Amino acid sequence: MDRDDHTRSPIGFKTAPRFGGHIVLDLLNTVTRTEVGSADQFTDIETVCHWLAESGLPYESASNEPKLVDAIVDLREIVRELIQCRMLGTAANPALLNEYLGATEGHWELVWKREVEEPSRSFVRTGDAIAVVIAPLAEAAAELLTSGDFASVKRCGNPECSMVFFDPSATSRRRWCDMA
């Protein structure tokens, strides 16, 4: 699917399907096939922030930024193209993903709360609010694309389904996005 092959239309649910088994595949699965084409779950800032919250990603710094919707959709389609190429065994140009990867800076901080027995460290990103929110998804995409077990990334066996998923099973025989 090219980056402009689908229209943004509500698909009637606030919670994205979580069949992917990996946050990046769940991101790709926010576009689904319908009888009339495809539908994009990311129609507004509230839905995007809800998805980010469900995914455990901090979004508060950009929750009032309408351009966050465009940025996450753009990143999703860039990643979709790269994953499709990787699945087909063809080369792709990572320049657009690299732009997202290079859009923030950051540093490690020590976090030490009284109620926590031991201190921990946390990576704090700095930069544009939207880039800070999108960076973990771009990093997860790069990690998935370079993963040694990328063969576990599969497309649903139903020809009418557009979902992709990660099959970490020992036999790697899963064929369907949802076993229900």
N, C-alpha and C. Protein backbone atom coordinates (compact mmCIF):
# COMPACT_ATOMS: atom_id res chain seq x y z
N MET A 1 0.84 -1.17 0.00
CA MET A 1 0.00 0.00 0.00
C MET A 1 0.88 1.23 0.00
N ASP A 2 0.68 2.12 -0.95
CA ASP A 2 1.43 3.36 -0.97
C ASP A 2 0.95 4.25 0.15
N ARG A 3 1.72 5.26 0.45
CA ARG A 3 1.40 6.12 1.57
C ARG A 3 0.07 6.83 1.40
N ASP A 4 -0.44 6.98 0.17
CA ASP A 4 -1.70 7.68 -0.05
C ASP A 4 -2.83 6.78 -0.51
N ASP A 5 -2.68 5.46 -0.39
CA ASP A 5 -3.68 4.53 -0.91
C ASP A 5 -4.93 4.41 -0.05
N HIS A 6 -4.94 4.92 1.13
CA HIS A 6 -6.13 4.80 1.96
C HIS A 6 -6.59 6.18 2.40
N THR A 7 -7.85 6.26 2.73
CA THR A 7 -8.39 7.51 3.22
C THR A 7 -8.57 7.40 4.72
N ARG A 8 -8.57 8.52 5.37
CA ARG A 8 -8.80 8.51 6.81
C ARG A 8 -10.30 8.57 7.03
N SER A 9 -10.85 7.49 7.49
CA SER A 9 -12.26 7.46 7.84
C SER A 9 -12.43 6.68 9.12
N PRO A 10 -13.35 7.12 9.97
CA PRO A 10 -13.51 6.42 11.24
C PRO A 10 -13.91 4.97 11.01
N ILE A 11 -13.35 4.07 11.80
CA ILE A 11 -13.70 2.65 11.63
C ILE A 11 -14.47 2.13 12.83
N GLY A 12 -14.96 3.04 13.67
CA GLY A 12 -15.92 2.68 14.68
C GLY A 12 -15.39 2.09 15.97
N PHE A 13 -14.11 2.23 16.25
CA PHE A 13 -13.63 1.78 17.56
C PHE A 13 -12.48 2.67 18.00
N LYS A 14 -12.39 2.86 19.29
CA LYS A 14 -11.32 3.68 19.84
C LYS A 14 -10.08 2.85 20.16
N THR A 15 -10.25 1.55 20.31
CA THR A 15 -9.14 0.70 20.67
C THR A 15 -8.67 -0.06 19.44
N ALA A 16 -7.42 0.12 19.08
CA ALA A 16 -6.87 -0.58 17.92
C ALA A 16 -6.71 -2.06 18.24
N PRO A 17 -6.87 -2.90 17.23
CA PRO A 17 -6.60 -4.32 17.47
C PRO A 17 -5.14 -4.52 17.84
N ARG A 18 -4.88 -5.41 18.77
CA ARG A 18 -3.52 -5.66 19.23
C ARG A 18 -3.11 -7.09 18.91
N PHE A 19 -3.23 -7.43 17.63
CA PHE A 19 -2.88 -8.78 17.18
C PHE A 19 -1.42 -8.86 16.75
N GLY A 20 -0.76 -7.72 16.61
CA GLY A 20 0.56 -7.70 16.02
C GLY A 20 1.66 -8.36 16.83
N GLY A 21 1.57 -8.32 18.14
CA GLY A 21 2.60 -8.91 18.97
C GLY A 21 3.86 -8.05 19.05
N HIS A 22 3.83 -6.88 18.46
CA HIS A 22 4.95 -5.93 18.48
C HIS A 22 4.34 -4.56 18.24
N ILE A 23 4.80 -3.55 18.97
CA ILE A 23 4.19 -2.23 18.86
C ILE A 23 4.19 -1.68 17.43
N VAL A 24 5.23 -1.96 16.67
CA VAL A 24 5.31 -1.45 15.30
C VAL A 24 4.27 -2.13 14.41
N LEU A 25 4.06 -3.42 14.60
CA LEU A 25 3.05 -4.12 13.81
C LEU A 25 1.65 -3.67 14.23
N ASP A 26 1.47 -3.40 15.53
CA ASP A 26 0.19 -2.83 15.97
C ASP A 26 -0.04 -1.47 15.33
N LEU A 27 1.03 -0.69 15.17
CA LEU A 27 0.92 0.60 14.48
C LEU A 27 0.45 0.40 13.04
N LEU A 28 1.05 -0.55 12.34
CA LEU A 28 0.63 -0.81 10.96
C LEU A 28 -0.82 -1.26 10.91
N ASN A 29 -1.26 -1.99 11.92
CA ASN A 29 -2.62 -2.53 11.94
C ASN A 29 -3.68 -1.50 12.30
N THR A 30 -3.31 -0.23 12.40
CA THR A 30 -4.30 0.82 12.63
C THR A 30 -5.00 1.22 11.33
N VAL A 31 -4.58 0.62 10.23
CA VAL A 31 -5.31 0.74 8.96
C VAL A 31 -5.85 -0.64 8.65
N THR A 32 -7.15 -0.72 8.40
CA THR A 32 -7.78 -2.01 8.12
C THR A 32 -8.51 -1.96 6.80
N ARG A 33 -8.69 -3.12 6.20
CA ARG A 33 -9.47 -3.22 4.97
C ARG A 33 -10.95 -3.22 5.29
N THR A 34 -11.73 -2.59 4.41
CA THR A 34 -13.18 -2.59 4.53
C THR A 34 -13.75 -2.97 3.17
N GLU A 35 -15.08 -3.04 3.10
CA GLU A 35 -15.70 -3.36 1.81
C GLU A 35 -15.43 -2.30 0.75
N VAL A 36 -15.15 -1.07 1.18
CA VAL A 36 -14.98 0.03 0.24
C VAL A 36 -13.53 0.51 0.13
N GLY A 37 -12.60 -0.26 0.65
CA GLY A 37 -11.20 0.13 0.58
C GLY A 37 -10.50 -0.11 1.89
N SER A 38 -9.98 0.95 2.48
CA SER A 38 -9.33 0.81 3.77
C SER A 38 -9.74 1.96 4.67
N ALA A 39 -9.65 1.73 5.95
CA ALA A 39 -10.03 2.74 6.93
C ALA A 39 -8.87 2.95 7.90
N ASP A 40 -8.65 4.19 8.22
CA ASP A 40 -7.56 4.58 9.11
C ASP A 40 -8.13 4.94 10.48
N GLN A 41 -7.65 4.28 11.52
CA GLN A 41 -8.12 4.59 12.86
C GLN A 41 -7.66 5.97 13.30
N PHE A 42 -6.54 6.45 12.79
CA PHE A 42 -5.98 7.71 13.25
C PHE A 42 -6.63 8.89 12.53
N THR A 43 -7.83 9.25 12.99
CA THR A 43 -8.58 10.34 12.37
C THR A 43 -8.47 11.65 13.12
N ASP A 44 -8.08 11.58 14.38
CA ASP A 44 -8.02 12.80 15.19
C ASP A 44 -6.99 12.64 16.31
N ILE A 45 -6.66 13.74 16.93
CA ILE A 45 -5.63 13.75 17.96
C ILE A 45 -6.03 12.91 19.16
N GLU A 46 -7.32 12.88 19.51
CA GLU A 46 -7.77 12.10 20.66
C GLU A 46 -7.52 10.61 20.44
N THR A 47 -7.82 10.13 19.25
CA THR A 47 -7.62 8.71 18.94
C THR A 47 -6.15 8.35 18.95
N VAL A 48 -5.32 9.22 18.39
CA VAL A 48 -3.87 8.97 18.38
C VAL A 48 -3.33 8.94 19.81
N CYS A 49 -3.73 9.90 20.63
CA CYS A 49 -3.26 9.93 22.03
C CYS A 49 -3.76 8.71 22.79
N HIS A 50 -4.98 8.28 22.53
CA HIS A 50 -5.51 7.08 23.17
C HIS A 50 -4.67 5.86 22.79
N TRP A 51 -4.33 5.73 21.51
CA TRP A 51 -3.52 4.60 21.05
C TRP A 51 -2.12 4.64 21.69
N LEU A 52 -1.53 5.82 21.73
CA LEU A 52 -0.21 5.96 22.35
C LEU A 52 -0.27 5.58 23.83
N ALA A 53 -1.32 6.03 24.53
CA ALA A 53 -1.46 5.70 25.94
C ALA A 53 -1.62 4.19 26.12
N GLU A 54 -2.46 3.56 25.30
CA GLU A 54 -2.63 2.10 25.37
C GLU A 54 -1.32 1.38 25.10
N SER A 55 -0.48 1.98 24.30
CA SER A 55 0.80 1.38 23.94
C SER A 55 1.88 1.64 24.99
N GLY A 56 1.54 2.42 25.99
CA GLY A 56 2.50 2.71 27.04
C GLY A 56 3.52 3.76 26.66
N LEU A 57 3.21 4.57 25.66
CA LEU A 57 4.14 5.59 25.21
C LEU A 57 3.72 6.96 25.73
N PRO A 58 4.66 7.76 26.21
CA PRO A 58 4.32 9.11 26.68
C PRO A 58 3.93 10.00 25.49
N TYR A 59 2.84 10.69 25.63
CA TYR A 59 2.35 11.53 24.54
C TYR A 59 1.96 12.93 25.02
N GLU A 60 1.97 13.14 26.31
CA GLU A 60 1.45 14.37 26.90
C GLU A 60 2.08 15.63 26.32
N SER A 61 3.36 15.59 25.98
CA SER A 61 4.03 16.78 25.48
C SER A 61 3.48 17.24 24.14
N ALA A 62 2.82 16.35 23.41
CA ALA A 62 2.29 16.72 22.09
C ALA A 62 0.78 16.51 22.00
N SER A 63 0.10 16.35 23.14
CA SER A 63 -1.32 16.04 23.10
C SER A 63 -2.18 17.17 22.55
N ASN A 64 -1.65 18.37 22.48
CA ASN A 64 -2.39 19.50 21.91
C ASN A 64 -1.86 19.88 20.53
N GLU A 65 -1.11 18.99 19.93
CA GLU A 65 -0.49 19.26 18.63
C GLU A 65 -1.22 18.49 17.53
N PRO A 66 -2.12 19.13 16.78
CA PRO A 66 -2.83 18.42 15.71
C PRO A 66 -1.89 17.78 14.68
N LYS A 67 -0.70 18.33 14.53
CA LYS A 67 0.26 17.76 13.57
C LYS A 67 0.78 16.40 14.01
N LEU A 68 0.52 16.00 15.27
CA LEU A 68 0.92 14.67 15.73
C LEU A 68 0.22 13.59 14.90
N VAL A 69 -1.02 13.84 14.51
CA VAL A 69 -1.76 12.86 13.69
C VAL A 69 -1.03 12.66 12.37
N ASP A 70 -0.69 13.75 11.70
CA ASP A 70 0.02 13.64 10.42
C ASP A 70 1.38 12.96 10.59
N ALA A 71 2.08 13.28 11.67
CA ALA A 71 3.41 12.71 11.89
C ALA A 71 3.34 11.20 12.12
N ILE A 72 2.39 10.74 12.94
CA ILE A 72 2.32 9.32 13.22
C ILE A 72 1.84 8.55 12.00
N VAL A 73 0.94 9.14 11.22
CA VAL A 73 0.49 8.49 9.97
C VAL A 73 1.65 8.43 8.98
N ASP A 74 2.41 9.51 8.88
CA ASP A 74 3.57 9.53 7.98
C ASP A 74 4.58 8.46 8.39
N LEU A 75 4.92 8.41 9.68
CA LEU A 75 5.85 7.40 10.15
C LEU A 75 5.32 5.99 9.87
N ARG A 76 4.04 5.77 10.13
CA ARG A 76 3.45 4.45 9.91
C ARG A 76 3.61 4.01 8.46
N GLU A 77 3.35 4.91 7.52
CA GLU A 77 3.44 4.53 6.11
C GLU A 77 4.88 4.36 5.65
N ILE A 78 5.80 5.12 6.21
CA ILE A 78 7.22 4.92 5.93
C ILE A 78 7.63 3.53 6.40
N VAL A 79 7.24 3.19 7.61
CA VAL A 79 7.58 1.89 8.19
C VAL A 79 6.89 0.76 7.42
N ARG A 80 5.65 0.97 7.01
CA ARG A 80 4.93 -0.05 6.22
C ARG A 80 5.72 -0.40 4.95
N GLU A 81 6.20 0.62 4.27
CA GLU A 81 6.96 0.40 3.05
C GLU A 81 8.26 -0.36 3.32
N LEU A 82 8.96 0.01 4.40
CA LEU A 82 10.22 -0.67 4.74
C LEU A 82 9.97 -2.12 5.14
N ILE A 83 8.92 -2.36 5.90
CA ILE A 83 8.62 -3.74 6.32
C ILE A 83 8.20 -4.58 5.13
N GLN A 84 7.41 -4.02 4.24
CA GLN A 84 7.03 -4.77 3.03
C GLN A 84 8.26 -5.14 2.22
N CYS A 85 9.17 -4.22 2.07
CA CYS A 85 10.41 -4.52 1.34
C CYS A 85 11.21 -5.61 2.04
N ARG A 86 11.31 -5.51 3.36
CA ARG A 86 12.06 -6.52 4.11
C ARG A 86 11.40 -7.89 3.98
N MET A 87 10.06 -7.93 4.01
CA MET A 87 9.35 -9.20 3.86
C MET A 87 9.56 -9.81 2.48
N LEU A 88 9.70 -8.94 1.48
CA LEU A 88 9.93 -9.41 0.11
C LEU A 88 11.40 -9.69 -0.18
N GLY A 89 12.28 -9.28 0.73
CA GLY A 89 13.71 -9.49 0.54
C GLY A 89 14.33 -8.51 -0.43
N THR A 90 13.70 -7.34 -0.57
CA THR A 90 14.24 -6.32 -1.47
C THR A 90 14.80 -5.16 -0.65
N ALA A 91 15.74 -4.44 -1.23
CA ALA A 91 16.35 -3.29 -0.56
C ALA A 91 15.36 -2.12 -0.54
N ALA A 92 15.53 -1.25 0.43
CA ALA A 92 14.69 -0.05 0.53
C ALA A 92 15.56 1.10 1.02
N ASN A 93 15.08 2.30 0.81
CA ASN A 93 15.81 3.49 1.23
C ASN A 93 15.33 3.90 2.63
N PRO A 94 16.18 3.82 3.64
CA PRO A 94 15.76 4.16 5.01
C PRO A 94 15.84 5.65 5.35
N ALA A 95 16.08 6.50 4.37
CA ALA A 95 16.32 7.93 4.65
C ALA A 95 15.18 8.58 5.43
N LEU A 96 13.93 8.29 5.08
CA LEU A 96 12.82 8.94 5.77
C LEU A 96 12.70 8.46 7.22
N LEU A 97 12.91 7.18 7.45
CA LEU A 97 12.91 6.68 8.83
C LEU A 97 14.08 7.30 9.60
N ASN A 98 15.22 7.41 8.94
CA ASN A 98 16.39 8.00 9.60
C ASN A 98 16.14 9.45 10.02
N GLU A 99 15.30 10.17 9.27
CA GLU A 99 14.96 11.54 9.67
C GLU A 99 14.24 11.53 11.01
N TYR A 100 13.31 10.60 11.19
CA TYR A 100 12.62 10.48 12.49
C TYR A 100 13.58 10.05 13.58
N LEU A 101 14.49 9.13 13.25
CA LEU A 101 15.45 8.65 14.24
C LEU A 101 16.40 9.76 14.71
N GLY A 102 16.70 10.69 13.83
CA GLY A 102 17.64 11.76 14.16
C GLY A 102 16.99 13.04 14.65
N ALA A 103 15.67 13.04 14.83
CA ALA A 103 14.96 14.28 15.16
C ALA A 103 15.01 14.67 16.63
N THR A 104 15.52 13.80 17.49
CA THR A 104 15.59 14.16 18.91
C THR A 104 16.99 13.91 19.46
N GLU A 105 17.24 14.51 20.57
CA GLU A 105 18.44 14.25 21.34
C GLU A 105 17.99 13.79 22.71
N GLY A 106 18.92 13.42 23.53
CA GLY A 106 18.51 13.01 24.87
C GLY A 106 19.69 12.66 25.75
N HIS A 107 19.35 12.27 26.95
CA HIS A 107 20.37 11.90 27.93
C HIS A 107 19.75 10.97 28.96
N TRP A 108 20.61 10.27 29.68
CA TRP A 108 20.17 9.39 30.76
C TRP A 108 20.07 10.19 32.04
N GLU A 109 19.05 9.87 32.84
CA GLU A 109 18.90 10.46 34.16
C GLU A 109 18.71 9.35 35.17
N LEU A 110 19.21 9.59 36.35
CA LEU A 110 19.00 8.68 37.46
C LEU A 110 17.66 9.03 38.12
N VAL A 111 16.83 8.03 38.32
CA VAL A 111 15.53 8.21 38.96
C VAL A 111 15.58 7.46 40.29
N TRP A 112 15.31 8.20 41.37
CA TRP A 112 15.41 7.58 42.69
C TRP A 112 14.26 8.10 43.54
N LYS A 113 13.26 7.27 43.71
CA LYS A 113 12.10 7.63 44.51
C LYS A 113 12.16 6.91 45.83
N ARG A 114 11.68 7.54 46.86
CA ARG A 114 11.72 6.93 48.19
C ARG A 114 10.99 5.60 48.24
N GLU A 115 9.85 5.49 47.56
CA GLU A 115 9.07 4.26 47.63
C GLU A 115 9.68 3.12 46.81
N VAL A 116 10.64 3.44 46.00
CA VAL A 116 11.33 2.42 45.20
C VAL A 116 12.58 2.00 45.95
N GLU A 117 12.80 0.70 46.04
CA GLU A 117 13.95 0.20 46.80
C GLU A 117 15.28 0.56 46.16
N GLU A 118 15.33 0.51 44.85
CA GLU A 118 16.59 0.78 44.17
C GLU A 118 16.40 1.87 43.12
N PRO A 119 17.43 2.64 42.87
CA PRO A 119 17.32 3.65 41.80
C PRO A 119 17.29 2.98 40.44
N SER A 120 16.81 3.73 39.47
CA SER A 120 16.81 3.24 38.09
C SER A 120 17.24 4.39 37.19
N ARG A 121 17.45 4.08 35.95
CA ARG A 121 17.81 5.14 35.02
C ARG A 121 16.74 5.24 33.95
N SER A 122 16.60 6.43 33.40
CA SER A 122 15.58 6.69 32.40
C SER A 122 16.19 7.57 31.32
N PHE A 123 15.87 7.28 30.06
CA PHE A 123 16.36 8.09 28.95
C PHE A 123 15.36 9.22 28.72
N VAL A 124 15.83 10.45 28.77
CA VAL A 124 14.99 11.62 28.61
C VAL A 124 15.29 12.24 27.26
N ARG A 125 14.28 12.30 26.41
CA ARG A 125 14.43 12.89 25.08
C ARG A 125 14.19 14.39 25.14
N THR A 126 14.89 15.11 24.30
CA THR A 126 14.69 16.55 24.19
C THR A 126 14.51 16.90 22.73
N GLY A 127 13.81 18.01 22.49
CA GLY A 127 13.58 18.47 21.13
C GLY A 127 12.12 18.79 20.91
N ASP A 128 11.74 18.86 19.66
CA ASP A 128 10.38 19.14 19.25
C ASP A 128 9.42 18.15 19.91
N ALA A 129 8.29 18.64 20.43
CA ALA A 129 7.34 17.80 21.17
C ALA A 129 6.86 16.61 20.35
N ILE A 130 6.56 16.81 19.09
CA ILE A 130 6.08 15.71 18.24
C ILE A 130 7.20 14.71 18.02
N ALA A 131 8.39 15.17 17.74
CA ALA A 131 9.52 14.27 17.52
C ALA A 131 9.80 13.42 18.76
N VAL A 132 9.65 14.02 19.94
CA VAL A 132 9.88 13.29 21.19
C VAL A 132 8.87 12.16 21.34
N VAL A 133 7.63 12.40 20.93
CA VAL A 133 6.59 11.37 21.03
C VAL A 133 6.81 10.27 19.99
N ILE A 134 7.21 10.64 18.80
CA ILE A 134 7.35 9.69 17.68
C ILE A 134 8.64 8.88 17.77
N ALA A 135 9.67 9.41 18.38
CA ALA A 135 10.99 8.76 18.41
C ALA A 135 10.97 7.30 18.89
N PRO A 136 10.26 6.96 19.97
CA PRO A 136 10.27 5.55 20.39
C PRO A 136 9.68 4.60 19.35
N LEU A 137 8.70 5.06 18.60
CA LEU A 137 8.14 4.22 17.53
C LEU A 137 9.14 4.05 16.39
N ALA A 138 9.84 5.12 16.04
CA ALA A 138 10.85 5.02 14.99
C ALA A 138 11.98 4.08 15.43
N GLU A 139 12.37 4.17 16.69
CA GLU A 139 13.43 3.29 17.21
C GLU A 139 12.97 1.83 17.23
N ALA A 140 11.71 1.60 17.62
CA ALA A 140 11.17 0.24 17.62
C ALA A 140 11.11 -0.33 16.20
N ALA A 141 10.80 0.53 15.24
CA ALA A 141 10.76 0.09 13.84
C ALA A 141 12.15 -0.30 13.36
N ALA A 142 13.13 0.52 13.67
CA ALA A 142 14.51 0.21 13.26
C ALA A 142 14.97 -1.09 13.91
N GLU A 143 14.63 -1.27 15.17
CA GLU A 143 15.00 -2.50 15.88
C GLU A 143 14.34 -3.72 15.23
N LEU A 144 13.05 -3.62 14.91
CA LEU A 144 12.35 -4.73 14.26
C LEU A 144 12.95 -5.04 12.89
N LEU A 145 13.23 -4.00 12.12
CA LEU A 145 13.77 -4.19 10.77
C LEU A 145 15.16 -4.81 10.78
N THR A 146 15.91 -4.61 11.85
CA THR A 146 17.27 -5.15 11.92
C THR A 146 17.34 -6.42 12.76
N SER A 147 16.19 -6.86 13.24
CA SER A 147 16.13 -8.02 14.13
C SER A 147 16.49 -9.30 13.39
N GLY A 148 17.21 -10.15 14.09
CA GLY A 148 17.59 -11.45 13.52
C GLY A 148 16.42 -12.37 13.31
N ASP A 149 15.31 -12.14 14.04
CA ASP A 149 14.15 -13.01 13.88
C ASP A 149 13.03 -12.33 13.09
N PHE A 150 13.40 -11.53 12.09
CA PHE A 150 12.39 -10.86 11.27
C PHE A 150 11.53 -11.86 10.51
N ALA A 151 12.01 -13.07 10.31
CA ALA A 151 11.20 -14.10 9.63
C ALA A 151 9.92 -14.40 10.40
N SER A 152 9.86 -13.99 11.66
CA SER A 152 8.66 -14.20 12.47
C SER A 152 7.59 -13.15 12.19
N VAL A 153 7.89 -12.15 11.37
CA VAL A 153 6.89 -11.16 10.96
C VAL A 153 6.12 -11.74 9.78
N LYS A 154 4.80 -11.80 9.93
CA LYS A 154 3.97 -12.44 8.90
C LYS A 154 2.74 -11.61 8.60
N ARG A 155 2.20 -11.85 7.44
CA ARG A 155 0.93 -11.26 7.03
C ARG A 155 -0.15 -12.30 7.28
N CYS A 156 -1.33 -11.86 7.69
CA CYS A 156 -2.44 -12.76 7.96
C CYS A 156 -2.74 -13.62 6.74
N GLY A 157 -3.07 -14.89 6.97
CA GLY A 157 -3.36 -15.83 5.90
C GLY A 157 -4.69 -15.58 5.20
N ASN A 158 -5.54 -14.76 5.78
CA ASN A 158 -6.82 -14.43 5.14
C ASN A 158 -6.55 -13.37 4.06
N PRO A 159 -6.81 -13.68 2.79
CA PRO A 159 -6.51 -12.72 1.73
C PRO A 159 -7.30 -11.41 1.83
N GLU A 160 -8.37 -11.40 2.61
CA GLU A 160 -9.16 -10.19 2.78
C GLU A 160 -8.70 -9.36 3.97
N CYS A 161 -7.68 -9.84 4.67
CA CYS A 161 -7.18 -9.16 5.87
C CYS A 161 -5.85 -8.49 5.57
N SER A 162 -5.65 -7.31 6.13
CA SER A 162 -4.40 -6.56 5.91
C SER A 162 -3.48 -6.59 7.13
N MET A 163 -3.86 -7.33 8.16
CA MET A 163 -3.09 -7.33 9.41
C MET A 163 -1.75 -8.06 9.26
N VAL A 164 -0.77 -7.58 10.02
CA VAL A 164 0.53 -8.24 10.12
C VAL A 164 0.75 -8.57 11.59
N PHE A 165 1.55 -9.59 11.86
CA PHE A 165 1.77 -10.01 13.23
C PHE A 165 3.13 -10.65 13.39
N PHE A 166 3.55 -10.78 14.64
CA PHE A 166 4.82 -11.39 14.98
C PHE A 166 4.52 -12.76 15.56
N ASP A 167 5.14 -13.81 15.02
CA ASP A 167 4.92 -15.18 15.48
C ASP A 167 6.21 -15.71 16.09
N PRO A 168 6.35 -15.57 17.40
CA PRO A 168 7.59 -16.02 18.05
C PRO A 168 7.57 -17.51 18.43
N SER A 169 6.53 -18.23 18.01
CA SER A 169 6.41 -19.63 18.43
C SER A 169 7.56 -20.47 17.88
N ALA A 170 7.84 -21.55 18.55
CA ALA A 170 8.95 -22.44 18.15
C ALA A 170 8.73 -23.02 16.77
N THR A 171 7.47 -23.32 16.43
CA THR A 171 7.18 -23.93 15.13
C THR A 171 6.99 -22.89 14.03
N SER A 172 6.71 -21.64 14.43
CA SER A 172 6.49 -20.54 13.48
C SER A 172 5.42 -20.91 12.44
N ARG A 173 4.32 -21.51 12.92
CA ARG A 173 3.29 -21.96 11.99
C ARG A 173 2.01 -21.15 12.08
N ARG A 174 1.99 -20.11 12.87
CA ARG A 174 0.79 -19.29 12.97
C ARG A 174 0.48 -18.68 11.61
N ARG A 175 -0.80 -18.69 11.23
CA ARG A 175 -1.20 -18.17 9.92
C ARG A 175 -2.16 -17.00 9.99
N TRP A 176 -2.82 -16.83 11.12
CA TRP A 176 -3.91 -15.86 11.20
C TRP A 176 -3.58 -14.78 12.23
N CYS A 177 -4.06 -13.57 11.97
CA CYS A 177 -3.80 -12.48 12.91
C CYS A 177 -4.55 -12.67 14.21
N ASP A 178 -5.74 -13.25 14.15
CA ASP A 178 -6.56 -13.45 15.34
C ASP A 178 -7.06 -14.88 15.35
N MET A 179 -6.77 -15.59 16.40
CA MET A 179 -7.15 -16.99 16.44
C MET A 179 -8.60 -17.19 16.88
N ALA A 180 -9.31 -16.10 17.18
CA ALA A 180 -10.71 -16.19 17.62
C ALA A 180 -11.64 -16.55 16.48
